[in-house]
PDB file of N, CA and C in Angstrom:
ATOM      1  N   MET A   1      94.031 127.814 114.267  1.00  0.00           N
ATOM      2  CA  MET A   1      93.921 126.623 114.738  1.00  0.00           C
ATOM      3  C   MET A   1      94.989 125.994 114.859  1.00  0.00           C
ATOM      4  N   LYS A   2      95.091 125.226 115.923  1.00  0.00           N
ATOM      5  CA  LYS A   2      96.069 124.013 115.874  1.00  0.00           C
ATOM      6  C   LYS A   2      95.964 123.142 115.197  1.00  0.00           C
ATOM      7  N   ASN A   3      96.917 122.296 115.403  1.00  0.00           N
ATOM      8  CA  ASN A   3      96.489 121.419 115.355  1.00  0.00           C
ATOM      9  C   ASN A   3      97.024 120.237 116.025  1.00  0.00           C
ATOM     10  N   TYR A   4      96.413 119.086 116.671  1.00  0.00           N
ATOM     11  CA  TYR A   4      96.152 118.705 117.190  1.00  0.00           C
ATOM     12  C   TYR A   4      96.836 116.916 117.148  1.00  0.00           C
ATOM     13  N   THR A   5      97.754 116.216 117.641  1.00  0.00           N
ATOM     14  CA  THR A   5      97.493 115.064 118.099  1.00  0.00           C
ATOM     15  C   THR A   5      97.346 113.905 118.980  1.00  0.00           C
ATOM     16  N   VAL A   6      96.897 112.562 118.840  1.00  0.00           N
ATOM     17  CA  VAL A   6      96.863 111.931 120.095  1.00  0.00           C
ATOM     18  C   VAL A   6      97.801 111.131 119.807  1.00  0.00           C
ATOM     19  N   LYS A   7      98.622 111.360 120.857  1.00  0.00           N
ATOM     20  CA  LYS A   7      99.820 110.084 121.477  1.00  0.00           C
ATOM     21  C   LYS A   7      99.480 109.206 122.025  1.00  0.00           C
ATOM     22  N   ASN A   8     100.145 108.540 121.701  1.00  0.00           N
ATOM     23  CA  ASN A   8      99.550 106.690 123.171  1.00  0.00           C
ATOM     24  C   ASN A   8      98.546 106.922 122.414  1.00  0.00           C
ATOM     25  N   MET A   9      97.944 107.313 121.910  1.00  0.00           N
ATOM     26  CA  MET A   9      96.776 105.838 121.069  1.00  0.00           C
ATOM     27  C   MET A   9      97.494 105.086 120.947  1.00  0.00           C
ATOM     28  N   HIS A  10      96.227 103.489 121.402  1.00  0.00           N
ATOM     29  CA  HIS A  10      97.000 102.166 121.148  1.00  0.00           C
ATOM     30  C   HIS A  10      94.901 101.782 120.730  1.00  0.00           C
ATOM     31  N   ILE A  11      95.592 101.647 118.949  1.00  0.00           N
ATOM     32  CA  ILE A  11      94.084 100.821 118.681  1.00  0.00           C
ATOM     33  C   ILE A  11      94.234  99.513 117.823  1.00  0.00           C
ATOM     34  N   LYS A  12      93.279  98.474 118.915  1.00  0.00           N
ATOM     35  CA  LYS A  12      93.283  97.186 118.758  1.00  0.00           C
ATOM     36  C   LYS A  12      93.721  97.015 117.375  1.00  0.00           C
ATOM     37  N   LYS A  13      94.591  95.777 116.367  1.00  0.00           N
ATOM     38  CA  LYS A  13      94.904  94.844 115.656  1.00  0.00           C
ATOM     39  C   LYS A  13      93.149  93.806 115.804  1.00  0.00           C
ATOM     40  N   LYS A  14      92.908  93.654 114.241  1.00  0.00           N
ATOM     41  CA  LYS A  14      91.230  93.178 114.232  1.00  0.00           C
ATOM     42  C   LYS A  14      92.662  91.220 113.852  1.00  0.00           C
ATOM     43  N   ILE A  15      92.043  90.222 114.960  1.00  0.00           N
ATOM     44  CA  ILE A  15      92.504  89.132 114.710  1.00  0.00           C
ATOM     45  C   ILE A  15      90.866  88.118 114.800  1.00  0.00           C
ATOM     46  N   SER A  16      90.764  86.891 113.844  1.00  0.00           N
ATOM     47  CA  SER A  16      89.512  86.032 113.919  1.00  0.00           C
ATOM     48  C   SER A  16      90.243  84.985 113.515  1.00  0.00           C
ATOM     49  N   PHE A  17      88.405  84.111 114.445  1.00  0.00           N
ATOM     50  CA  PHE A  17      89.140  83.096 114.266  1.00  0.00           C
ATOM     51  C   PHE A  17      87.572  82.028 114.199  1.00  0.00           C
ATOM     52  N   ASP A  18      87.784  80.893 113.210  1.00  0.00           N
ATOM     53  CA  ASP A  18      86.472  79.860 112.710  1.00  0.00           C
ATOM     54  C   ASP A  18      86.261  79.383 114.540  1.00  0.00           C
ATOM     55  N   PHE A  19      84.901  79.095 113.672  1.00  0.00           N
ATOM     56  CA  PHE A  19      84.269  77.863 115.878  1.00  0.00           C
ATOM     57  C   PHE A  19      84.306  77.257 115.633  1.00  0.00           C
ATOM     58  N   ASP A  20      84.075  76.031 114.808  1.00  0.00           N
ATOM     59  CA  ASP A  20      83.578  75.009 114.459  1.00  0.00           C
ATOM     60  C   ASP A  20      85.240  74.770 113.892  1.00  0.00           C
ATOM     61  N   GLY A  21      85.543  73.124 115.061  1.00  0.00           N
ATOM     62  CA  GLY A  21      87.501  72.619 114.116  1.00  0.00           C
ATOM     63  C   GLY A  21      88.832  73.569 114.532  1.00  0.00           C
ATOM     64  N   THR A  22      88.911  74.710 115.196  1.00  0.00           N
ATOM     65  CA  THR A  22      89.374  76.075 115.976  1.00  0.00           C
ATOM     66  C   THR A  22      88.504  76.571 116.463  1.00  0.00           C
ATOM     67  N   LEU A  23      88.029  77.915 117.618  1.00  0.00           N
ATOM     68  CA  LEU A  23      88.115  77.553 118.866  1.00  0.00           C
ATOM     69  C   LEU A  23      87.319  77.234 119.549  1.00  0.00           C
ATOM     70  N   ASN A  24      86.762  75.678 119.043  1.00  0.00           N
ATOM     71  CA  ASN A  24      85.976  74.847 119.644  1.00  0.00           C
ATOM     72  C   ASN A  24      87.497  74.102 120.738  1.00  0.00           C
ATOM     73  N   ASN A  25      88.308  74.174 120.162  1.00  0.00           N
ATOM     74  CA  ASN A  25      89.733  73.658 121.154  1.00  0.00           C
ATOM     75  C   ASN A  25      90.228  74.034 122.036  1.00  0.00           C
ATOM     76  N   ASP A  26      90.804  73.089 122.583  1.00  0.00           N
ATOM     77  CA  ASP A  26      91.266  73.875 123.756  1.00  0.00           C
ATOM     78  C   ASP A  26      92.431  74.727 123.193  1.00  0.00           C
ATOM     79  N   ASP A  27      93.432  73.956 123.183  1.00  0.00           N
ATOM     80  CA  ASP A  27      94.541  74.857 122.698  1.00  0.00           C
ATOM     81  C   ASP A  27      94.155  75.512 121.907  1.00  0.00           C
ATOM     82  N   VAL A  28      93.415  76.387 121.247  1.00  0.00           N
ATOM     83  CA  VAL A  28      92.649  77.035 120.337  1.00  0.00           C
ATOM     84  C   VAL A  28      92.640  78.457 121.959  1.00  0.00           C
ATOM     85  N   GLN A  29      91.599  78.296 122.340  1.00  0.00           N
ATOM     86  CA  GLN A  29      90.703  78.851 123.579  1.00  0.00           C
ATOM     87  C   GLN A  29      92.472  79.079 124.912  1.00  0.00           C
ATOM     88  N   ASN A  30      93.044  78.601 124.603  1.00  0.00           N
ATOM     89  CA  ASN A  30      93.902  79.047 125.529  1.00  0.00           C
ATOM     90  C   ASN A  30      95.015  79.820 124.752  1.00  0.00           C
ATOM     91  N   PHE A  31      95.195  79.846 123.864  1.00  0.00           N
ATOM     92  CA  PHE A  31      96.405  80.799 122.568  1.00  0.00           C
ATOM     93  C   PHE A  31      95.586  82.409 122.586  1.00  0.00           C
ATOM     94  N   VAL A  32      94.396  82.491 122.527  1.00  0.00           N
ATOM     95  CA  VAL A  32      93.067  83.561 123.059  1.00  0.00           C
ATOM     96  C   VAL A  32      93.272  84.344 124.061  1.00  0.00           C
ATOM     97  N   LEU A  33      93.310  83.200 125.124  1.00  0.00           N
ATOM     98  CA  LEU A  33      93.266  83.279 126.810  1.00  0.00           C
ATOM     99  C   LEU A  33      94.247  84.612 126.750  1.00  0.00           C
ATOM    100  N   ASP A  34      95.719  83.959 125.664  1.00  0.00           N
ATOM    101  CA  ASP A  34      96.987  84.973 126.204  1.00  0.00           C
ATOM    102  C   ASP A  34      97.687  85.853 125.271  1.00  0.00           C
ATOM    103  N   ILE A  35      95.937  86.447 124.104  1.00  0.00           N
ATOM    104  CA  ILE A  35      96.523  87.586 123.781  1.00  0.00           C
ATOM    105  C   ILE A  35      95.409  88.349 123.683  1.00  0.00           C
ATOM    106  N   ILE A  36      94.508  87.630 123.644  1.00  0.00           N
ATOM    107  CA  ILE A  36      92.819  88.921 124.020  1.00  0.00           C
ATOM    108  C   ILE A  36      93.349  90.187 124.321  1.00  0.00           C
ATOM    109  N   ASP A  37      94.516  90.804 125.215  1.00  0.00           N
ATOM    110  CA  ASP A  37      93.924  91.649 125.601  1.00  0.00           C
ATOM    111  C   ASP A  37      95.055  92.853 124.675  1.00  0.00           C
ATOM    112  N   LYS A  38      96.074  92.038 123.731  1.00  0.00           N
ATOM    113  CA  LYS A  38      96.187  92.516 122.413  1.00  0.00           C
ATOM    114  C   LYS A  38      95.668  92.868 121.466  1.00  0.00           C
ATOM    115  N   TYR A  39      94.445  92.302 121.354  1.00  0.00           N
ATOM    116  CA  TYR A  39      94.121  92.099 120.070  1.00  0.00           C
ATOM    117  C   TYR A  39      92.656  92.227 119.981  1.00  0.00           C
ATOM    118  N   ASP A  40      92.224  93.156 119.533  1.00  0.00           N
ATOM    119  CA  ASP A  40      90.518  92.838 118.680  1.00  0.00           C
ATOM    120  C   ASP A  40      89.708  91.943 118.413  1.00  0.00           C
ATOM    121  N   VAL A  41      89.384  90.522 119.198  1.00  0.00           N
ATOM    122  CA  VAL A  41      89.637  89.348 118.402  1.00  0.00           C
ATOM    123  C   VAL A  41      87.473  89.442 117.564  1.00  0.00           C
ATOM    124  N   TYR A  42      87.491  88.850 117.068  1.00  0.00           N
ATOM    125  CA  TYR A  42      86.696  88.458 116.456  1.00  0.00           C
ATOM    126  C   TYR A  42      86.506  87.095 116.299  1.00  0.00           C
ATOM    127  N   ILE A  43      84.684  85.838 116.422  1.00  0.00           N
ATOM    128  CA  ILE A  43      84.370  84.920 115.938  1.00  0.00           C
ATOM    129  C   ILE A  43      83.836  84.372 114.325  1.00  0.00           C
ATOM    130  N   ILE A  44      84.369  84.455 113.464  1.00  0.00           N
ATOM    131  CA  ILE A  44      83.068  84.406 111.736  1.00  0.00           C
ATOM    132  C   ILE A  44      83.249  82.982 111.966  1.00  0.00           C
ATOM    133  N   THR A  45      81.666  82.672 112.069  1.00  0.00           N
ATOM    134  CA  THR A  45      82.066  80.834 111.273  1.00  0.00           C
ATOM    135  C   THR A  45      80.640  81.790 110.414  1.00  0.00           C
ATOM    136  N   SER A  46      80.827  80.143 110.081  1.00  0.00           N
ATOM    137  CA  SER A  46      79.566  80.026 108.565  1.00  0.00           C
ATOM    138  C   SER A  46      78.596  79.509 108.449  1.00  0.00           C
ATOM    139  N   ARG A  47      78.171  79.757 109.973  1.00  0.00           N
ATOM    140  CA  ARG A  47      77.032  79.126 111.162  1.00  0.00           C
ATOM    141  C   ARG A  47      75.602  80.058 111.158  1.00  0.00           C
ATOM    142  N   VAL A  48      74.799  79.361 111.011  1.00  0.00           N
ATOM    143  CA  VAL A  48      73.603  80.181 110.837  1.00  0.00           C
ATOM    144  C   VAL A  48      73.023  80.964 112.531  1.00  0.00           C
ATOM    145  N   SER A  49      72.779  81.959 112.468  1.00  0.00           N
ATOM    146  CA  SER A  49      72.495  82.907 113.527  1.00  0.00           C
ATOM    147  C   SER A  49      71.247  81.465 114.247  1.00  0.00           C
ATOM    148  N   ASN A  50      71.243  82.587 115.810  1.00  0.00           N
ATOM    149  CA  ASN A  50      69.663  82.169 116.397  1.00  0.00           C
ATOM    150  C   ASN A  50      68.390  82.490 115.434  1.00  0.00           C
ATOM    151  N   ASN A  51      67.037  81.527 114.968  1.00  0.00           N
ATOM    152  CA  ASN A  51      66.205  82.137 114.901  1.00  0.00           C
ATOM    153  C   ASN A  51      64.945  80.823 115.521  1.00  0.00           C
ATOM    154  N   GLU A  52      64.299  81.056 115.041  1.00  0.00           N
ATOM    155  CA  GLU A  52      62.863  79.984 115.229  1.00  0.00           C
ATOM    156  C   GLU A  52      62.272  79.332 116.298  1.00  0.00           C
ATOM    157  N   PHE A  53      63.621  78.554 115.086  1.00  0.00           N
ATOM    158  CA  PHE A  53      63.215  77.037 114.534  1.00  0.00           C
ATOM    159  C   PHE A  53      64.801  76.811 115.933  1.00  0.00           C
ATOM    160  N   ALA A  54      65.447  77.499 115.475  1.00  0.00           N
ATOM    161  CA  ALA A  54      67.249  76.896 116.365  1.00  0.00           C
ATOM    162  C   ALA A  54      67.042  78.169 117.454  1.00  0.00           C
ATOM    163  N   LYS A  55      66.378  77.914 118.664  1.00  0.00           N
ATOM    164  CA  LYS A  55      66.549  79.456 119.351  1.00  0.00           C
ATOM    165  C   LYS A  55      68.362  79.273 119.972  1.00  0.00           C
ATOM    166  N   ASN A  56      68.408  77.609 119.871  1.00  0.00           N
ATOM    167  CA  ASN A  56      69.484  77.744 121.644  1.00  0.00           C
ATOM    168  C   ASN A  56      71.110  77.357 120.397  1.00  0.00           C
ATOM    169  N   TRP A  57      70.828  77.216 118.763  1.00  0.00           N
ATOM    170  CA  TRP A  57      71.465  76.873 118.180  1.00  0.00           C
ATOM    171  C   TRP A  57      73.353  76.724 118.608  1.00  0.00           C
ATOM    172  N   ASN A  58      72.792  77.739 119.088  1.00  0.00           N
ATOM    173  CA  ASN A  58      74.300  78.829 118.893  1.00  0.00           C
ATOM    174  C   ASN A  58      75.119  78.836 120.581  1.00  0.00           C
ATOM    175  N   ASN A  59      73.847  77.712 121.369  1.00  0.00           N
ATOM    176  CA  ASN A  59      74.676  78.381 122.905  1.00  0.00           C
ATOM    177  C   ASN A  59      76.702  77.913 123.653  1.00  0.00           C
ATOM    178  N   ASP A  60      76.952  76.862 122.554  1.00  0.00           N
ATOM    179  CA  ASP A  60      78.067  76.049 122.868  1.00  0.00           C
ATOM    180  C   ASP A  60      78.902  77.349 122.454  1.00  0.00           C
ATOM    181  N   LEU A  61      79.064  78.227 121.289  1.00  0.00           N
ATOM    182  CA  LEU A  61      79.734  79.318 120.840  1.00  0.00           C
ATOM    183  C   LEU A  61      79.426  80.754 121.985  1.00  0.00           C
ATOM    184  N   PHE A  62      77.877  80.599 122.261  1.00  0.00           N
ATOM    185  CA  PHE A  62      78.219  81.988 123.473  1.00  0.00           C
ATOM    186  C   PHE A  62      78.782  82.318 124.246  1.00  0.00           C
ATOM    187  N   LEU A  63      78.365  80.147 124.676  1.00  0.00           N
ATOM    188  CA  LEU A  63      79.337  79.964 126.016  1.00  0.00           C
ATOM    189  C   LEU A  63      81.011  80.159 126.209  1.00  0.00           C
ATOM    190  N   THR A  64      81.169  80.364 125.294  1.00  0.00           N
ATOM    191  CA  THR A  64      83.371  80.034 125.031  1.00  0.00           C
ATOM    192  C   THR A  64      83.511  81.485 124.676  1.00  0.00           C
ATOM    193  N   ALA A  65      82.943  82.776 123.637  1.00  0.00           N
ATOM    194  CA  ALA A  65      83.066  83.802 123.822  1.00  0.00           C
ATOM    195  C   ALA A  65      82.641  83.942 124.984  1.00  0.00           C
ATOM    196  N   ASP A  66      81.888  84.571 125.900  1.00  0.00           N
ATOM    197  CA  ASP A  66      81.433  84.291 126.534  1.00  0.00           C
ATOM    198  C   ASP A  66      82.778  83.769 127.234  1.00  0.00           C
ATOM    199  N   TYR A  67      83.513  82.753 127.827  1.00  0.00           N
ATOM    200  CA  TYR A  67      84.838  82.814 128.468  1.00  0.00           C
ATOM    201  C   TYR A  67      85.589  82.935 128.501  1.00  0.00           C
ATOM    202  N   LEU A  68      85.940  83.315 126.792  1.00  0.00           N
ATOM    203  CA  LEU A  68      87.634  83.968 126.019  1.00  0.00           C
ATOM    204  C   LEU A  68      86.950  85.369 126.016  1.00  0.00           C
ATOM    205  N   GLY A  69      86.187  86.376 126.926  1.00  0.00           N
ATOM    206  CA  GLY A  69      86.356  87.549 126.186  1.00  0.00           C
ATOM    207  C   GLY A  69      86.035  88.235 125.698  1.00  0.00           C
ATOM    208  N   ILE A  70      85.320  87.561 124.449  1.00  0.00           N
ATOM    209  CA  ILE A  70      85.093  87.753 122.635  1.00  0.00           C
ATOM    210  C   ILE A  70      83.768  88.078 122.870  1.00  0.00           C
ATOM    211  N   LYS A  71      83.715  89.585 122.458  1.00  0.00           N
ATOM    212  CA  LYS A  71      82.377  90.645 122.541  1.00  0.00           C
ATOM    213  C   LYS A  71      81.534  90.147 122.138  1.00  0.00           C
ATOM    214  N   LYS A  72      80.718  89.954 121.929  1.00  0.00           N
ATOM    215  CA  LYS A  72      78.786  89.802 121.436  1.00  0.00           C
ATOM    216  C   LYS A  72      79.234  90.164 119.564  1.00  0.00           C
ATOM    217  N   GLU A  73      78.944  92.045 119.466  1.00  0.00           N
ATOM    218  CA  GLU A  73      79.250  92.100 118.231  1.00  0.00           C
ATOM    219  C   GLU A  73      80.374  91.844 117.368  1.00  0.00           C
ATOM    220  N   ASN A  74      81.405  90.957 118.355  1.00  0.00           N
ATOM    221  CA  ASN A  74      83.080  90.542 117.315  1.00  0.00           C
ATOM    222  C   ASN A  74      82.460  89.028 116.892  1.00  0.00           C
ATOM    223  N   ILE A  75      80.988  88.765 117.314  1.00  0.00           N
ATOM    224  CA  ILE A  75      80.822  87.276 116.574  1.00  0.00           C
ATOM    225  C   ILE A  75      80.338  88.164 114.780  1.00  0.00           C
ATOM    226  N   ILE A  76      80.247  87.474 114.250  1.00  0.00           N
ATOM    227  CA  ILE A  76      79.733  87.105 113.075  1.00  0.00           C
ATOM    228  C   ILE A  76      79.152  86.404 112.477  1.00  0.00           C
ATOM    229  N   PHE A  77      77.811  85.932 112.429  1.00  0.00           N
ATOM    230  CA  PHE A  77      77.527  84.562 111.636  1.00  0.00           C
ATOM    231  C   PHE A  77      77.849  84.849 109.398  1.00  0.00           C
ATOM    232  N   LEU A  78      77.835  84.727 109.679  1.00  0.00           N
ATOM    233  CA  LEU A  78      78.568  84.373 107.882  1.00  0.00           C
ATOM    234  C   LEU A  78      77.309  83.574 107.090  1.00  0.00           C
ATOM    235  N   GLU A  79      75.625  82.815 108.265  1.00  0.00           N
ATOM    236  CA  GLU A  79      75.128  81.566 107.346  1.00  0.00           C
ATOM    237  C   GLU A  79      74.977  81.242 106.697  1.00  0.00           C
ATOM    238  N   LEU A  80      76.054  80.726 106.230  1.00  0.00           N
ATOM    239  CA  LEU A  80      76.340  79.275 105.694  1.00  0.00           C
ATOM    240  C   LEU A  80      77.656  80.443 104.019  1.00  0.00           C
ATOM    241  N   SER A  81      77.973  81.292 103.712  1.00  0.00           N
ATOM    242  CA  SER A  81      78.286  82.132 103.050  1.00  0.00           C
ATOM    243  C   SER A  81      79.843  81.819 102.878  1.00  0.00           C
ATOM    244  N   ASP A  82      80.002  82.012 102.326  1.00  0.00           N
ATOM    245  CA  ASP A  82      82.542  81.966 102.193  1.00  0.00           C
ATOM    246  C   ASP A  82      82.924  83.164 103.237  1.00  0.00           C
ATOM    247  N   LYS A  83      83.107  82.269 103.577  1.00  0.00           N
ATOM    248  CA  LYS A  83      84.590  82.872 105.036  1.00  0.00           C
ATOM    249  C   LYS A  83      85.139  84.921 103.949  1.00  0.00           C
ATOM    250  N   TYR A  84      85.838  83.796 102.558  1.00  0.00           N
ATOM    251  CA  TYR A  84      86.202  85.476 101.219  1.00  0.00           C
ATOM    252  C   TYR A  84      85.432  86.520 101.203  1.00  0.00           C
ATOM    253  N   ASP A  85      84.318  85.396 100.940  1.00  0.00           N
ATOM    254  CA  ASP A  85      82.948  86.568 100.345  1.00  0.00           C
ATOM    255  C   ASP A  85      83.462  87.727 102.068  1.00  0.00           C
ATOM    256  N   PHE A  86      83.481  87.618 103.328  1.00  0.00           N
ATOM    257  CA  PHE A  86      82.893  88.860 104.499  1.00  0.00           C
ATOM    258  C   PHE A  86      84.416  89.299 104.521  1.00  0.00           C
ATOM    259  N   PHE A  87      85.813  88.769 104.001  1.00  0.00           N
ATOM    260  CA  PHE A  87      87.845  89.314 104.096  1.00  0.00           C
ATOM    261  C   PHE A  87      87.631  90.617 103.055  1.00  0.00           C
ATOM    262  N   LYS A  88      86.664  90.021 101.619  1.00  0.00           N
ATOM    263  CA  LYS A  88      87.349  90.883 100.971  1.00  0.00           C
ATOM    264  C   LYS A  88      86.830  91.988 101.042  1.00  0.00           C
ATOM    265  N   ASP A  89      85.142  92.678 101.788  1.00  0.00           N
ATOM    266  CA  ASP A  89      84.846  93.700 102.367  1.00  0.00           C
ATOM    267  C   ASP A  89      85.330  93.980 104.389  1.00  0.00           C
ATOM    268  N   ASN A  90      85.999  93.677 104.148  1.00  0.00           N
ATOM    269  CA  ASN A  90      87.127  92.885 105.742  1.00  0.00           C
ATOM    270  C   ASN A  90      88.424  93.130 105.975  1.00  0.00           C
ATOM    271  N   GLU A  91      88.868  93.335 105.339  1.00  0.00           N
ATOM    272  CA  GLU A  91      90.640  93.834 104.537  1.00  0.00           C
ATOM    273  C   GLU A  91      91.689  94.020 105.818  1.00  0.00           C
ATOM    274  N   ASP A  92      90.561  94.939 107.379  1.00  0.00           N
ATOM    275  CA  ASP A  92      91.407  95.918 108.376  1.00  0.00           C
ATOM    276  C   ASP A  92      91.694  94.243 109.836  1.00  0.00           C
ATOM    277  N   PHE A  93      91.502  93.228 109.202  1.00  0.00           N
ATOM    278  CA  PHE A  93      91.713  92.154 109.841  1.00  0.00           C
ATOM    279  C   PHE A  93      94.062  91.390 109.200  1.00  0.00           C
ATOM    280  N   ILE A  94      94.719  91.514 110.079  1.00  0.00           N
ATOM    281  CA  ILE A  94      95.124  90.812 109.740  1.00  0.00           C
ATOM    282  C   ILE A  94      95.153  89.294 109.903  1.00  0.00           C
ATOM    283  N   TYR A  95      94.634  88.492 110.291  1.00  0.00           N
ATOM    284  CA  TYR A  95      94.527  86.745 109.961  1.00  0.00           C
ATOM    285  C   TYR A  95      93.133  86.275 110.781  1.00  0.00           C
ATOM    286  N   HIS A  96      93.443  85.502 109.994  1.00  0.00           N
ATOM    287  CA  HIS A  96      91.562  84.665 110.565  1.00  0.00           C
ATOM    288  C   HIS A  96      92.306  82.997 110.370  1.00  0.00           C
ATOM    289  N   LEU A  97      92.286  82.501 111.802  1.00  0.00           N
ATOM    290  CA  LEU A  97      92.362  80.842 111.832  1.00  0.00           C
ATOM    291  C   LEU A  97      91.070  80.496 110.899  1.00  0.00           C
ATOM    292  N   ASP A  98      91.237  78.979 110.556  1.00  0.00           N
ATOM    293  CA  ASP A  98      90.059  78.138 110.420  1.00  0.00           C
ATOM    294  C   ASP A  98      90.855  76.510 109.595  1.00  0.00           C
ATOM    295  N   ASP A  99      90.068  75.915 109.783  1.00  0.00           N
ATOM    296  CA  ASP A  99      89.879  74.901 109.587  1.00  0.00           C
ATOM    297  C   ASP A  99      90.303  74.304 108.696  1.00  0.00           C
ATOM    298  N   MET A 100      89.598  75.029 108.327  1.00  0.00           N
ATOM    299  CA  MET A 100      88.702  74.726 106.683  1.00  0.00           C
ATOM    300  C   MET A 100      90.020  74.613 105.366  1.00  0.00           C
ATOM    301  N   GLU A 101      91.166  74.276 104.400  1.00  0.00           N
ATOM    302  CA  GLU A 101      92.141  74.234 103.711  1.00  0.00           C
ATOM    303  C   GLU A 101      90.809  75.191 102.341  1.00  0.00           C
ATOM    304  N   ASP A 102      89.982  75.606 102.658  1.00  0.00           N
ATOM    305  CA  ASP A 102      89.398  75.582 100.899  1.00  0.00           C
ATOM    306  C   ASP A 102      89.399  77.199 101.543  1.00  0.00           C
ATOM    307  N   GLU A 103      88.489  77.504 102.549  1.00  0.00           N
ATOM    308  CA  GLU A 103      88.407  78.830 102.925  1.00  0.00           C
ATOM    309  C   GLU A 103      89.451  79.328 103.377  1.00  0.00           C
ATOM    310  N   ILE A 104      90.624  79.330 104.263  1.00  0.00           N
ATOM    311  CA  ILE A 104      92.066  79.461 103.891  1.00  0.00           C
ATOM    312  C   ILE A 104      92.625  79.485 102.401  1.00  0.00           C
ATOM    313  N   LYS A 105      92.558  78.469 101.989  1.00  0.00           N
ATOM    314  CA  LYS A 105      93.132  78.936 100.349  1.00  0.00           C
ATOM    315  C   LYS A 105      92.366  80.279  99.948  1.00  0.00           C
ATOM    316  N   ASN A 106      91.156  80.239 100.162  1.00  0.00           N
ATOM    317  CA  ASN A 106      90.661  81.314  99.635  1.00  0.00           C
ATOM    318  C   ASN A 106      90.149  82.732 100.637  1.00  0.00           C
ATOM    319  N   ILE A 107      90.693  82.895 101.778  1.00  0.00           N
ATOM    320  CA  ILE A 107      91.206  84.002 102.156  1.00  0.00           C
ATOM    321  C   ILE A 107      92.459  85.004 101.204  1.00  0.00           C
ATOM    322  N   ASN A 108      93.156  83.588 101.804  1.00  0.00           N
ATOM    323  CA  ASN A 108      95.023  84.088 100.959  1.00  0.00           C
ATOM    324  C   ASN A 108      94.541  84.422  99.970  1.00  0.00           C
ATOM    325  N   LEU A 109      93.732  84.211  99.061  1.00  0.00           N
ATOM    326  CA  LEU A 109      93.676  84.945  97.725  1.00  0.00           C
ATOM    327  C   LEU A 109      93.962  86.880  97.809  1.00  0.00           C
ATOM    328  N   ASN A 110      92.822  86.808  98.966  1.00  0.00           N
ATOM    329  CA  ASN A 110      93.075  88.480  99.303  1.00  0.00           C
ATOM    330  C   ASN A 110      93.847  88.733  99.809  1.00  0.00           C
ATOM    331  N   LYS A 111      94.702  89.661  99.706  1.00  0.00           N
ATOM    332  CA  LYS A 111      95.741  89.865  99.812  1.00  0.00           C
ATOM    333  C   LYS A 111      96.055  90.789 100.296  1.00  0.00           C
ATOM    334  N   ASN A 112      94.914  92.100 101.512  1.00  0.00           N
ATOM    335  CA  ASN A 112      95.315  92.058 103.439  1.00  0.00           C
ATOM    336  C   ASN A 112      95.233  91.397 104.737  1.00  0.00           C
ATOM    337  N   VAL A 113      94.690  90.034 104.375  1.00  0.00           N
ATOM    338  CA  VAL A 113      94.013  89.477 104.993  1.00  0.00           C
ATOM    339  C   VAL A 113      95.132  88.024 105.154  1.00  0.00           C
ATOM    340  N   LYS A 114      94.891  87.678 106.262  1.00  0.00           N
ATOM    341  CA  LYS A 114      96.548  86.297 105.681  1.00  0.00           C
ATOM    342  C   LYS A 114      95.451  84.812 106.610  1.00  0.00           C
ATOM    343  N   GLY A 115      94.995  84.281 105.517  1.00  0.00           N
ATOM    344  CA  GLY A 115      94.536  82.494 105.964  1.00  0.00           C
ATOM    345  C   GLY A 115      95.614  82.379 107.778  1.00  0.00           C
ATOM    346  N   ILE A 116      95.365  81.651 108.600  1.00  0.00           N
ATOM    347  CA  ILE A 116      96.020  80.048 108.832  1.00  0.00           C
ATOM    348  C   ILE A 116      95.241  79.201 108.994  1.00  0.00           C
ATOM    349  N   LEU A 117      95.790  78.087 108.481  1.00  0.00           N
ATOM    350  CA  LEU A 117      95.285  76.845 108.979  1.00  0.00           C
ATOM    351  C   LEU A 117      95.564  75.999 109.640  1.00  0.00           C
TER     352      LEU A 117
END
């Protein structure tokens, strides 16, 4: 039996952005537009997902994600949980940009994911 290897296989590396105070900023959106073809871009937010009481709660987030070309399956709602808890179980991200200093400090306790303020 022959052992085959895949040549020129390109797997995009994962990066993520907080939404409020980060990805809702025009400069950050322009950065994402420059790199979206090179990386698998995620939105990781502490927001709660839409529910029966707030059906349109995240319309701004979904409109921005659509504009930037971020896939819906790449939007993670942490339901008010700390991002550190997410990243300690998802260490395959290169970095996460966030405007919250405490989030970045805690993410950087993880040796594999770099938090950037």
